[in-house]
């Protein structure tokens, strides 16, 4: 007879993922043990093994959940009535808001993604590429004359935008929504109009 899924299965899984993300970020993926994960989550090792058979499986699920949700949240924004300039500011604001409370996931994305098998890395990097392409298309639409037939320049500009957003996340983790909106507006103005617009 098939085993039934507990009513709180998804809640427990989410709790384990949060605790594991914190442990991996603080201890390092290679050094973190299942015992440390269990202590952080306040559960037994047996409970963790009920959900995940290895640290690798846990790491992949953390990053798969985080990056897929981030990609879907940003790429699913309804921007139809906005100009490209307004779209860029809206998207950058939403990215900064989405980063809030995701420090550990963000850290292990940067530090530990390469610990996973190549096929899993490809899945995760495709989420990242979708997000980069989405932002890149908006930047191109906002300044078509600048980026026409300038793929390398467009890519460099897009990655510079993400660099600025990641800098803000690293140094302003406690910032509220209003501060994030102001910074998104600043980045948007810098990218599309230059420093003289500030």
N, C-alpha and C. Protein backbone atom coordinates (compact mmCIF):
# COMPACT_ATOMS: atom_id res chain seq x y z
N UNK A 1 0.84 -1.20 0.00
CA UNK A 1 0.00 0.00 0.00
C UNK A 1 0.88 1.25 0.00
N UNK A 2 0.55 2.19 -0.86
CA UNK A 2 1.35 3.42 -0.98
C UNK A 2 1.24 4.25 0.28
N UNK A 3 2.35 4.86 0.66
CA UNK A 3 2.40 5.69 1.85
C UNK A 3 1.75 7.04 1.55
N UNK A 4 0.87 7.47 2.44
CA UNK A 4 0.21 8.76 2.22
C UNK A 4 1.14 9.90 2.61
N UNK A 5 0.95 11.04 1.98
CA UNK A 5 1.76 12.23 2.27
C UNK A 5 1.13 13.00 3.41
N UNK A 6 1.92 13.33 4.41
CA UNK A 6 1.43 14.07 5.56
C UNK A 6 0.89 15.43 5.12
N UNK A 7 -0.09 15.94 5.88
CA UNK A 7 -0.71 17.22 5.54
C UNK A 7 0.29 18.36 5.57
N UNK A 8 1.29 18.24 6.46
CA UNK A 8 2.27 19.33 6.59
C UNK A 8 3.56 19.03 5.82
N UNK A 9 3.48 18.13 4.85
CA UNK A 9 4.67 17.72 4.09
C UNK A 9 5.38 18.92 3.46
N UNK A 10 4.63 19.76 2.74
CA UNK A 10 5.24 20.90 2.04
C UNK A 10 5.81 21.92 3.01
N UNK A 11 5.12 22.11 4.14
CA UNK A 11 5.60 23.05 5.15
C UNK A 11 6.91 22.57 5.76
N UNK A 12 6.98 21.26 6.06
CA UNK A 12 8.22 20.69 6.63
C UNK A 12 9.36 20.76 5.62
N UNK A 13 9.04 20.47 4.38
CA UNK A 13 10.06 20.52 3.33
C UNK A 13 10.61 21.93 3.20
N UNK A 14 9.72 22.94 3.20
CA UNK A 14 10.16 24.33 3.09
C UNK A 14 11.02 24.71 4.29
N UNK A 15 10.66 24.22 5.48
CA UNK A 15 11.43 24.51 6.69
C UNK A 15 12.83 23.90 6.59
N UNK A 16 12.91 22.69 6.08
CA UNK A 16 14.21 22.02 5.91
C UNK A 16 15.06 22.77 4.88
N UNK A 17 14.45 23.20 3.81
CA UNK A 17 15.19 23.94 2.78
C UNK A 17 15.76 25.24 3.34
N UNK A 18 14.98 25.95 4.14
CA UNK A 18 15.46 27.21 4.74
C UNK A 18 16.61 26.95 5.69
N UNK A 19 16.46 25.94 6.54
CA UNK A 19 17.52 25.61 7.49
C UNK A 19 18.78 25.14 6.80
N UNK A 20 18.62 24.34 5.76
CA UNK A 20 19.77 23.84 5.02
C UNK A 20 20.48 24.97 4.29
N UNK A 21 19.70 25.91 3.73
CA UNK A 21 20.32 27.06 3.04
C UNK A 21 21.16 27.87 4.01
N UNK A 22 20.65 28.08 5.21
CA UNK A 22 21.40 28.83 6.22
C UNK A 22 22.68 28.10 6.60
N UNK A 23 22.59 26.79 6.79
CA UNK A 23 23.77 25.99 7.16
C UNK A 23 24.80 25.98 6.05
N UNK A 24 24.36 25.77 4.82
CA UNK A 24 25.29 25.75 3.68
C UNK A 24 25.97 27.11 3.52
N UNK A 25 25.21 28.19 3.73
CA UNK A 25 25.78 29.54 3.58
C UNK A 25 26.80 29.83 4.67
N UNK A 26 26.49 29.42 5.90
CA UNK A 26 27.36 29.74 7.03
C UNK A 26 28.57 28.81 7.15
N UNK A 27 28.37 27.54 6.86
CA UNK A 27 29.43 26.54 7.05
C UNK A 27 30.17 26.20 5.76
N UNK A 28 29.54 26.46 4.64
CA UNK A 28 30.07 26.00 3.36
C UNK A 28 29.47 24.66 3.03
N UNK A 29 29.10 24.45 1.78
CA UNK A 29 28.43 23.21 1.39
C UNK A 29 29.29 21.99 1.70
N UNK A 30 30.57 22.05 1.37
CA UNK A 30 31.44 20.88 1.57
C UNK A 30 31.60 20.52 3.04
N UNK A 31 31.65 21.52 3.91
CA UNK A 31 31.90 21.27 5.33
C UNK A 31 30.63 20.95 6.12
N UNK A 32 29.48 21.35 5.63
CA UNK A 32 28.23 21.13 6.37
C UNK A 32 27.90 19.64 6.43
N UNK A 33 27.46 19.20 7.58
CA UNK A 33 27.09 17.79 7.76
C UNK A 33 25.58 17.67 7.93
N UNK A 34 25.06 16.47 7.71
CA UNK A 34 23.64 16.22 7.91
C UNK A 34 23.26 16.45 9.38
N UNK A 35 24.18 16.19 10.29
CA UNK A 35 23.93 16.44 11.72
C UNK A 35 23.71 17.93 11.96
N UNK A 36 24.57 18.78 11.35
CA UNK A 36 24.41 20.23 11.49
C UNK A 36 23.09 20.70 10.88
N UNK A 37 22.74 20.11 9.74
CA UNK A 37 21.48 20.48 9.09
C UNK A 37 20.31 20.15 10.00
N UNK A 38 20.34 18.96 10.61
CA UNK A 38 19.26 18.53 11.49
C UNK A 38 19.15 19.45 12.70
N UNK A 39 20.29 19.83 13.27
CA UNK A 39 20.28 20.74 14.43
C UNK A 39 19.68 22.09 14.06
N UNK A 40 20.10 22.63 12.91
CA UNK A 40 19.58 23.93 12.47
C UNK A 40 18.07 23.88 12.24
N UNK A 41 17.60 22.75 11.70
CA UNK A 41 16.18 22.61 11.37
C UNK A 41 15.35 22.17 12.57
N UNK A 42 16.01 21.72 13.64
CA UNK A 42 15.28 21.26 14.81
C UNK A 42 14.56 19.95 14.59
N UNK A 43 15.14 19.11 13.71
CA UNK A 43 14.55 17.80 13.42
C UNK A 43 15.65 16.74 13.51
N UNK A 44 15.27 15.49 13.41
CA UNK A 44 16.25 14.41 13.42
C UNK A 44 16.86 14.24 12.03
N UNK A 45 18.04 13.59 12.00
CA UNK A 45 18.64 13.27 10.69
C UNK A 45 17.70 12.37 9.89
N UNK A 46 17.00 11.47 10.59
CA UNK A 46 16.07 10.57 9.91
C UNK A 46 14.98 11.35 9.18
N UNK A 47 14.53 12.45 9.80
CA UNK A 47 13.51 13.28 9.15
C UNK A 47 14.05 13.90 7.87
N UNK A 48 15.28 14.40 7.93
CA UNK A 48 15.88 14.98 6.72
C UNK A 48 16.03 13.92 5.64
N UNK A 49 16.50 12.74 6.03
CA UNK A 49 16.67 11.66 5.05
C UNK A 49 15.33 11.17 4.49
N UNK A 50 14.25 11.42 5.22
CA UNK A 50 12.93 11.08 4.70
C UNK A 50 12.60 11.94 3.48
N UNK A 51 13.10 13.18 3.49
CA UNK A 51 12.83 14.09 2.38
C UNK A 51 13.94 14.08 1.33
N UNK A 52 15.19 13.93 1.77
CA UNK A 52 16.33 14.04 0.85
C UNK A 52 17.35 12.95 1.18
N UNK A 53 17.84 12.29 0.14
CA UNK A 53 18.78 11.19 0.37
C UNK A 53 20.24 11.64 0.43
N UNK A 54 20.49 12.94 0.18
CA UNK A 54 21.87 13.42 0.20
C UNK A 54 21.91 14.94 0.30
N UNK A 55 23.08 15.46 0.65
CA UNK A 55 23.28 16.92 0.66
C UNK A 55 23.11 17.47 -0.75
N UNK A 56 23.58 16.74 -1.74
CA UNK A 56 23.46 17.21 -3.13
C UNK A 56 22.00 17.41 -3.51
N UNK A 57 21.15 16.47 -3.10
CA UNK A 57 19.72 16.59 -3.42
C UNK A 57 19.12 17.81 -2.74
N UNK A 58 19.54 18.06 -1.52
CA UNK A 58 19.09 19.25 -0.80
C UNK A 58 19.53 20.53 -1.49
N UNK A 59 20.81 20.58 -1.85
CA UNK A 59 21.35 21.77 -2.51
C UNK A 59 20.62 22.05 -3.81
N UNK A 60 20.39 21.02 -4.59
CA UNK A 60 19.70 21.23 -5.87
C UNK A 60 18.29 21.75 -5.63
N UNK A 61 17.57 21.17 -4.66
CA UNK A 61 16.19 21.61 -4.43
C UNK A 61 16.14 23.05 -3.92
N UNK A 62 17.10 23.42 -3.07
CA UNK A 62 17.16 24.82 -2.61
C UNK A 62 17.30 25.76 -3.80
N UNK A 63 18.28 25.48 -4.64
CA UNK A 63 18.57 26.38 -5.77
C UNK A 63 17.51 26.29 -6.86
N UNK A 64 16.96 25.11 -7.09
CA UNK A 64 15.91 24.95 -8.08
C UNK A 64 14.67 25.74 -7.67
N UNK A 65 14.31 25.63 -6.39
CA UNK A 65 13.14 26.37 -5.90
C UNK A 65 13.38 27.87 -5.97
N UNK A 66 14.54 28.30 -5.50
CA UNK A 66 14.85 29.73 -5.45
C UNK A 66 14.90 30.34 -6.85
N UNK A 67 15.68 29.73 -7.74
CA UNK A 67 15.88 30.33 -9.05
C UNK A 67 14.65 30.22 -9.94
N UNK A 68 13.92 29.11 -9.85
CA UNK A 68 12.70 28.97 -10.65
C UNK A 68 11.65 29.98 -10.21
N UNK A 69 11.50 30.15 -8.89
CA UNK A 69 10.52 31.11 -8.38
C UNK A 69 10.92 32.55 -8.74
N UNK A 70 12.22 32.85 -8.65
CA UNK A 70 12.70 34.19 -9.01
C UNK A 70 12.45 34.46 -10.48
N UNK A 71 12.83 33.51 -11.34
CA UNK A 71 12.60 33.67 -12.78
C UNK A 71 11.12 33.86 -13.10
N UNK A 72 10.27 33.00 -12.51
CA UNK A 72 8.84 33.08 -12.81
C UNK A 72 8.23 34.39 -12.30
N UNK A 73 8.68 34.82 -11.12
CA UNK A 73 8.16 36.06 -10.54
C UNK A 73 8.49 37.26 -11.42
N UNK A 74 9.73 37.34 -11.88
CA UNK A 74 10.16 38.50 -12.67
C UNK A 74 9.64 38.42 -14.10
N UNK A 75 9.83 37.28 -14.73
CA UNK A 75 9.42 37.15 -16.14
C UNK A 75 7.90 37.12 -16.29
N UNK A 76 7.18 36.89 -15.19
CA UNK A 76 5.73 36.86 -15.23
C UNK A 76 5.06 38.20 -14.92
N UNK A 77 5.87 39.24 -14.73
CA UNK A 77 5.31 40.56 -14.44
C UNK A 77 4.46 41.06 -15.62
N UNK A 78 3.35 41.71 -15.31
CA UNK A 78 2.50 42.31 -16.34
C UNK A 78 3.00 43.73 -16.60
N UNK A 79 3.72 43.89 -17.70
CA UNK A 79 4.35 45.18 -18.02
C UNK A 79 3.77 45.82 -19.28
N UNK A 80 2.69 45.25 -19.75
CA UNK A 80 2.15 45.63 -21.07
C UNK A 80 1.85 47.10 -21.26
N UNK A 81 1.37 47.79 -20.24
CA UNK A 81 0.97 49.18 -20.41
C UNK A 81 2.10 50.17 -20.13
N UNK A 82 3.29 49.66 -19.80
CA UNK A 82 4.40 50.54 -19.44
C UNK A 82 5.34 50.77 -20.62
N UNK A 83 6.01 51.91 -20.61
CA UNK A 83 7.07 52.16 -21.59
C UNK A 83 8.27 51.29 -21.21
N UNK A 84 9.20 51.07 -22.13
CA UNK A 84 10.39 50.29 -21.79
C UNK A 84 11.15 50.86 -20.59
N UNK A 85 11.22 52.19 -20.49
CA UNK A 85 11.90 52.81 -19.35
C UNK A 85 11.19 52.47 -18.05
N UNK A 86 9.87 52.56 -18.06
CA UNK A 86 9.08 52.19 -16.87
C UNK A 86 9.20 50.70 -16.58
N UNK A 87 9.24 49.90 -17.62
CA UNK A 87 9.39 48.46 -17.45
C UNK A 87 10.69 48.12 -16.73
N UNK A 88 11.77 48.78 -17.16
CA UNK A 88 13.07 48.50 -16.55
C UNK A 88 13.04 48.82 -15.06
N UNK A 89 12.50 49.97 -14.70
CA UNK A 89 12.45 50.35 -13.30
C UNK A 89 11.57 49.37 -12.51
N UNK A 90 10.45 48.96 -13.08
CA UNK A 90 9.56 48.00 -12.40
C UNK A 90 10.26 46.67 -12.17
N UNK A 91 10.97 46.19 -13.18
CA UNK A 91 11.64 44.90 -13.08
C UNK A 91 12.78 44.95 -12.07
N UNK A 92 13.57 46.02 -12.10
CA UNK A 92 14.68 46.13 -11.16
C UNK A 92 14.17 46.23 -9.72
N UNK A 93 13.07 46.97 -9.53
CA UNK A 93 12.47 47.05 -8.20
C UNK A 93 12.01 45.68 -7.73
N UNK A 94 11.36 44.95 -8.62
CA UNK A 94 10.84 43.62 -8.24
C UNK A 94 11.96 42.65 -7.93
N UNK A 95 13.06 42.74 -8.65
CA UNK A 95 14.21 41.87 -8.35
C UNK A 95 14.74 42.17 -6.95
N UNK A 96 14.91 43.45 -6.63
CA UNK A 96 15.43 43.81 -5.30
C UNK A 96 14.48 43.38 -4.20
N UNK A 97 13.18 43.48 -4.44
CA UNK A 97 12.20 43.03 -3.44
C UNK A 97 12.25 41.50 -3.32
N UNK A 98 12.41 40.81 -4.44
CA UNK A 98 12.47 39.35 -4.41
C UNK A 98 13.71 38.85 -3.67
N UNK A 99 14.79 39.62 -3.72
CA UNK A 99 16.02 39.25 -3.01
C UNK A 99 15.84 39.30 -1.49
N UNK A 100 14.87 40.10 -1.02
CA UNK A 100 14.71 40.32 0.41
C UNK A 100 14.42 38.99 1.13
N UNK A 101 15.19 38.71 2.17
CA UNK A 101 14.99 37.49 2.94
C UNK A 101 15.58 36.24 2.32
N UNK A 102 16.29 36.40 1.20
CA UNK A 102 16.85 35.25 0.49
C UNK A 102 18.38 35.28 0.51
N UNK A 103 18.97 35.85 1.55
CA UNK A 103 20.42 36.00 1.63
C UNK A 103 21.15 34.67 1.49
N UNK A 104 20.71 33.67 2.24
CA UNK A 104 21.42 32.40 2.23
C UNK A 104 21.32 31.70 0.88
N UNK A 105 20.14 31.74 0.28
CA UNK A 105 19.96 31.14 -1.03
C UNK A 105 20.84 31.85 -2.07
N UNK A 106 20.90 33.16 -1.96
CA UNK A 106 21.70 33.96 -2.88
C UNK A 106 23.19 33.63 -2.74
N UNK A 107 23.63 33.47 -1.50
CA UNK A 107 25.04 33.16 -1.25
C UNK A 107 25.42 31.80 -1.80
N UNK A 108 24.59 30.80 -1.55
CA UNK A 108 24.98 29.46 -2.02
C UNK A 108 24.83 29.33 -3.53
N UNK A 109 23.98 30.15 -4.12
CA UNK A 109 23.92 30.19 -5.59
C UNK A 109 25.28 30.60 -6.15
N UNK A 110 25.89 31.61 -5.53
CA UNK A 110 27.18 32.11 -6.01
C UNK A 110 28.33 31.17 -5.67
N UNK A 111 28.24 30.51 -4.51
CA UNK A 111 29.38 29.73 -4.03
C UNK A 111 29.34 28.23 -4.33
N UNK A 112 28.13 27.66 -4.41
CA UNK A 112 28.04 26.20 -4.38
C UNK A 112 27.38 25.57 -5.59
N UNK A 113 26.88 26.37 -6.52
CA UNK A 113 26.20 25.79 -7.68
C UNK A 113 27.09 24.80 -8.42
N UNK A 114 28.37 25.09 -8.50
CA UNK A 114 29.28 24.22 -9.26
C UNK A 114 29.56 22.88 -8.56
N UNK A 115 29.07 22.71 -7.33
CA UNK A 115 29.23 21.42 -6.64
C UNK A 115 28.26 20.38 -7.19
N UNK A 116 27.28 20.81 -7.95
CA UNK A 116 26.27 19.91 -8.47
C UNK A 116 26.71 19.29 -9.80
N UNK A 117 26.11 18.17 -10.19
CA UNK A 117 26.42 17.54 -11.48
C UNK A 117 26.12 18.49 -12.64
N UNK A 118 26.84 18.36 -13.74
CA UNK A 118 26.66 19.27 -14.89
C UNK A 118 25.23 19.41 -15.37
N UNK A 119 24.48 18.30 -15.41
CA UNK A 119 23.11 18.38 -15.92
C UNK A 119 22.21 19.21 -15.00
N UNK A 120 22.46 19.15 -13.70
CA UNK A 120 21.69 19.99 -12.78
C UNK A 120 22.14 21.45 -12.86
N UNK A 121 23.43 21.65 -13.03
CA UNK A 121 23.92 23.02 -13.22
C UNK A 121 23.26 23.66 -14.43
N UNK A 122 23.09 22.88 -15.49
CA UNK A 122 22.48 23.40 -16.71
C UNK A 122 21.05 23.86 -16.46
N UNK A 123 20.29 23.07 -15.70
CA UNK A 123 18.91 23.45 -15.36
C UNK A 123 18.89 24.79 -14.64
N UNK A 124 19.76 24.93 -13.65
CA UNK A 124 19.80 26.15 -12.83
C UNK A 124 20.29 27.35 -13.64
N UNK A 125 21.32 27.13 -14.45
CA UNK A 125 21.84 28.23 -15.26
C UNK A 125 20.82 28.68 -16.31
N UNK A 126 19.97 27.78 -16.75
CA UNK A 126 18.93 28.17 -17.70
C UNK A 126 17.92 29.12 -17.05
N UNK A 127 17.62 28.93 -15.76
CA UNK A 127 16.77 29.89 -15.06
C UNK A 127 17.45 31.26 -15.06
N UNK A 128 18.74 31.27 -14.75
CA UNK A 128 19.49 32.53 -14.72
C UNK A 128 19.49 33.19 -16.10
N UNK A 129 19.72 32.38 -17.14
CA UNK A 129 19.76 32.92 -18.50
C UNK A 129 18.42 33.51 -18.91
N UNK A 130 17.32 32.85 -18.53
CA UNK A 130 15.99 33.36 -18.84
C UNK A 130 15.80 34.75 -18.23
N UNK A 131 16.24 34.90 -16.99
CA UNK A 131 16.09 36.18 -16.29
C UNK A 131 16.96 37.26 -16.93
N UNK A 132 18.20 36.91 -17.25
CA UNK A 132 19.11 37.86 -17.89
C UNK A 132 18.56 38.27 -19.26
N UNK A 133 18.06 37.32 -20.01
CA UNK A 133 17.50 37.62 -21.34
C UNK A 133 16.30 38.55 -21.23
N UNK A 134 15.47 38.31 -20.23
CA UNK A 134 14.28 39.14 -20.03
C UNK A 134 14.67 40.59 -19.76
N UNK A 135 15.63 40.80 -18.86
CA UNK A 135 16.10 42.15 -18.55
C UNK A 135 16.80 42.76 -19.76
N UNK A 136 17.59 41.96 -20.45
CA UNK A 136 18.33 42.43 -21.62
C UNK A 136 17.38 42.92 -22.71
N UNK A 137 16.29 42.20 -22.93
CA UNK A 137 15.32 42.61 -23.95
C UNK A 137 14.68 43.95 -23.61
N UNK A 138 14.45 44.19 -22.31
CA UNK A 138 13.86 45.46 -21.90
C UNK A 138 14.86 46.60 -22.10
N UNK A 139 16.11 46.36 -21.77
CA UNK A 139 17.14 47.39 -21.96
C UNK A 139 17.28 47.72 -23.44
N UNK A 140 17.28 46.71 -24.29
CA UNK A 140 17.38 46.95 -25.73
C UNK A 140 16.19 47.76 -26.23
N UNK A 141 14.99 47.42 -25.75
CA UNK A 141 13.79 48.14 -26.18
C UNK A 141 13.79 49.59 -25.71
N UNK A 142 14.43 49.84 -24.55
CA UNK A 142 14.48 51.20 -24.01
C UNK A 142 15.48 52.07 -24.76
N UNK A 143 16.49 51.45 -25.37
CA UNK A 143 17.52 52.22 -26.09
C UNK A 143 17.91 51.47 -27.36
N UNK A 144 16.98 51.31 -28.29
CA UNK A 144 17.26 50.50 -29.49
C UNK A 144 18.40 51.03 -30.35
N UNK A 145 18.54 52.34 -30.44
CA UNK A 145 19.60 52.91 -31.27
C UNK A 145 20.98 52.60 -30.71
N UNK A 146 21.08 52.51 -29.40
CA UNK A 146 22.36 52.24 -28.75
C UNK A 146 22.80 50.81 -28.94
N UNK A 147 21.83 49.88 -28.89
CA UNK A 147 22.19 48.46 -28.85
C UNK A 147 21.91 47.72 -30.15
N UNK A 148 21.51 48.43 -31.20
CA UNK A 148 21.28 47.78 -32.48
C UNK A 148 22.59 47.15 -32.98
N UNK A 149 22.55 45.86 -33.22
CA UNK A 149 23.73 45.10 -33.68
C UNK A 149 24.91 45.21 -32.71
N UNK A 150 24.64 45.44 -31.45
CA UNK A 150 25.69 45.56 -30.43
C UNK A 150 25.43 44.54 -29.32
N UNK A 151 25.46 43.26 -29.67
CA UNK A 151 25.13 42.20 -28.72
C UNK A 151 26.07 42.19 -27.52
N UNK A 152 27.36 42.34 -27.78
CA UNK A 152 28.34 42.31 -26.68
C UNK A 152 28.12 43.49 -25.73
N UNK A 153 27.85 44.66 -26.28
CA UNK A 153 27.61 45.84 -25.44
C UNK A 153 26.33 45.66 -24.61
N UNK A 154 25.30 45.10 -25.23
CA UNK A 154 24.04 44.87 -24.53
C UNK A 154 24.24 43.88 -23.38
N UNK A 155 24.98 42.80 -23.65
CA UNK A 155 25.22 41.80 -22.60
C UNK A 155 26.02 42.41 -21.46
N UNK A 156 27.04 43.18 -21.79
CA UNK A 156 27.86 43.82 -20.75
C UNK A 156 27.03 44.78 -19.91
N UNK A 157 26.15 45.53 -20.57
CA UNK A 157 25.28 46.46 -19.85
C UNK A 157 24.34 45.71 -18.91
N UNK A 158 23.74 44.65 -19.43
CA UNK A 158 22.80 43.86 -18.62
C UNK A 158 23.49 43.26 -17.40
N UNK A 159 24.68 42.70 -17.59
CA UNK A 159 25.39 42.10 -16.47
C UNK A 159 25.86 43.16 -15.48
N UNK A 160 26.14 44.36 -15.98
CA UNK A 160 26.49 45.47 -15.08
C UNK A 160 25.29 45.85 -14.21
N UNK A 161 24.10 45.81 -14.79
CA UNK A 161 22.89 46.07 -14.01
C UNK A 161 22.76 45.05 -12.88
N UNK A 162 22.94 43.78 -13.20
CA UNK A 162 22.85 42.76 -12.16
C UNK A 162 23.96 42.93 -11.12
N UNK A 163 25.12 43.40 -11.57
CA UNK A 163 26.20 43.68 -10.63
C UNK A 163 25.80 44.76 -9.63
N UNK A 164 25.14 45.81 -10.11
CA UNK A 164 24.69 46.88 -9.22
C UNK A 164 23.61 46.38 -8.26
N UNK A 165 22.70 45.56 -8.76
CA UNK A 165 21.64 45.01 -7.89
C UNK A 165 22.24 44.10 -6.82
N UNK A 166 23.22 43.29 -7.22
CA UNK A 166 23.84 42.38 -6.25
C UNK A 166 24.67 43.15 -5.23
N UNK A 167 25.29 44.25 -5.65
CA UNK A 167 26.01 45.09 -4.68
C UNK A 167 25.03 45.61 -3.64
N UNK A 168 23.88 46.09 -4.10
CA UNK A 168 22.89 46.63 -3.17
C UNK A 168 22.43 45.56 -2.19
N UNK A 169 22.16 44.37 -2.73
CA UNK A 169 21.72 43.26 -1.88
C UNK A 169 22.77 42.94 -0.83
N UNK A 170 24.05 42.94 -1.22
CA UNK A 170 25.13 42.57 -0.30
C UNK A 170 25.27 43.56 0.85
N UNK A 171 25.07 44.85 0.58
CA UNK A 171 25.37 45.88 1.57
C UNK A 171 24.14 46.55 2.17
N UNK A 172 22.96 46.22 1.68
CA UNK A 172 21.74 46.87 2.17
C UNK A 172 20.63 45.85 2.39
N UNK A 173 20.99 44.74 3.02
CA UNK A 173 20.03 43.65 3.20
C UNK A 173 18.80 44.02 4.00
N UNK A 174 18.92 45.01 4.89
CA UNK A 174 17.79 45.41 5.72
C UNK A 174 16.95 46.53 5.11
N UNK A 175 17.28 46.94 3.91
CA UNK A 175 16.55 48.05 3.28
C UNK A 175 15.09 47.69 3.06
N UNK A 176 14.23 48.67 3.26
CA UNK A 176 12.80 48.47 3.03
C UNK A 176 12.43 48.63 1.57
N UNK A 177 11.15 48.45 1.29
CA UNK A 177 10.69 48.50 -0.10
C UNK A 177 10.92 49.88 -0.72
N UNK A 178 10.66 50.94 0.03
CA UNK A 178 10.84 52.30 -0.52
C UNK A 178 12.29 52.54 -0.91
N UNK A 179 13.23 52.10 -0.08
CA UNK A 179 14.65 52.26 -0.41
C UNK A 179 15.02 51.44 -1.64
N UNK A 180 14.47 50.26 -1.76
CA UNK A 180 14.75 49.41 -2.93
C UNK A 180 14.18 50.04 -4.20
N UNK A 181 13.02 50.63 -4.07
CA UNK A 181 12.42 51.32 -5.23
C UNK A 181 13.30 52.50 -5.67
N UNK A 182 13.80 53.26 -4.69
CA UNK A 182 14.66 54.40 -5.02
C UNK A 182 15.94 53.94 -5.71
N UNK A 183 16.52 52.85 -5.21
CA UNK A 183 17.76 52.37 -5.82
C UNK A 183 17.50 51.83 -7.22
N UNK A 184 16.40 51.14 -7.41
CA UNK A 184 16.05 50.64 -8.74
C UNK A 184 15.90 51.80 -9.72
N UNK A 185 15.30 52.90 -9.27
CA UNK A 185 15.15 54.10 -10.12
C UNK A 185 16.52 54.68 -10.46
N UNK A 186 17.42 54.68 -9.48
CA UNK A 186 18.77 55.19 -9.70
C UNK A 186 19.50 54.37 -10.76
N UNK A 187 19.44 53.05 -10.63
CA UNK A 187 20.11 52.18 -11.60
C UNK A 187 19.51 52.35 -12.98
N UNK A 188 18.20 52.42 -13.05
CA UNK A 188 17.52 52.61 -14.33
C UNK A 188 17.96 53.91 -15.00
N UNK A 189 18.03 54.98 -14.22
CA UNK A 189 18.46 56.28 -14.77
C UNK A 189 19.92 56.25 -15.22
N UNK A 190 20.76 55.61 -14.42
CA UNK A 190 22.18 55.50 -14.79
C UNK A 190 22.35 54.76 -16.11
N UNK A 191 21.61 53.68 -16.26
CA UNK A 191 21.76 52.85 -17.45
C UNK A 191 21.22 53.55 -18.69
N UNK A 192 20.06 54.17 -18.58
CA UNK A 192 19.39 54.70 -19.75
C UNK A 192 19.73 56.16 -20.07
N UNK A 193 20.13 56.93 -19.04
CA UNK A 193 20.36 58.35 -19.27
C UNK A 193 21.75 58.84 -18.86
N UNK A 194 22.47 58.05 -18.11
CA UNK A 194 23.81 58.43 -17.70
C UNK A 194 23.83 59.24 -16.43
N UNK A 195 25.01 59.51 -15.95
CA UNK A 195 25.19 60.17 -14.66
C UNK A 195 24.66 61.59 -14.64
N UNK A 196 24.59 62.24 -15.78
CA UNK A 196 24.10 63.63 -15.84
C UNK A 196 22.62 63.71 -15.51
N UNK A 197 21.91 62.57 -15.54
CA UNK A 197 20.48 62.59 -15.27
C UNK A 197 20.17 62.58 -13.78
N UNK A 198 21.18 62.36 -12.94
CA UNK A 198 20.91 62.16 -11.51
C UNK A 198 20.79 63.46 -10.74
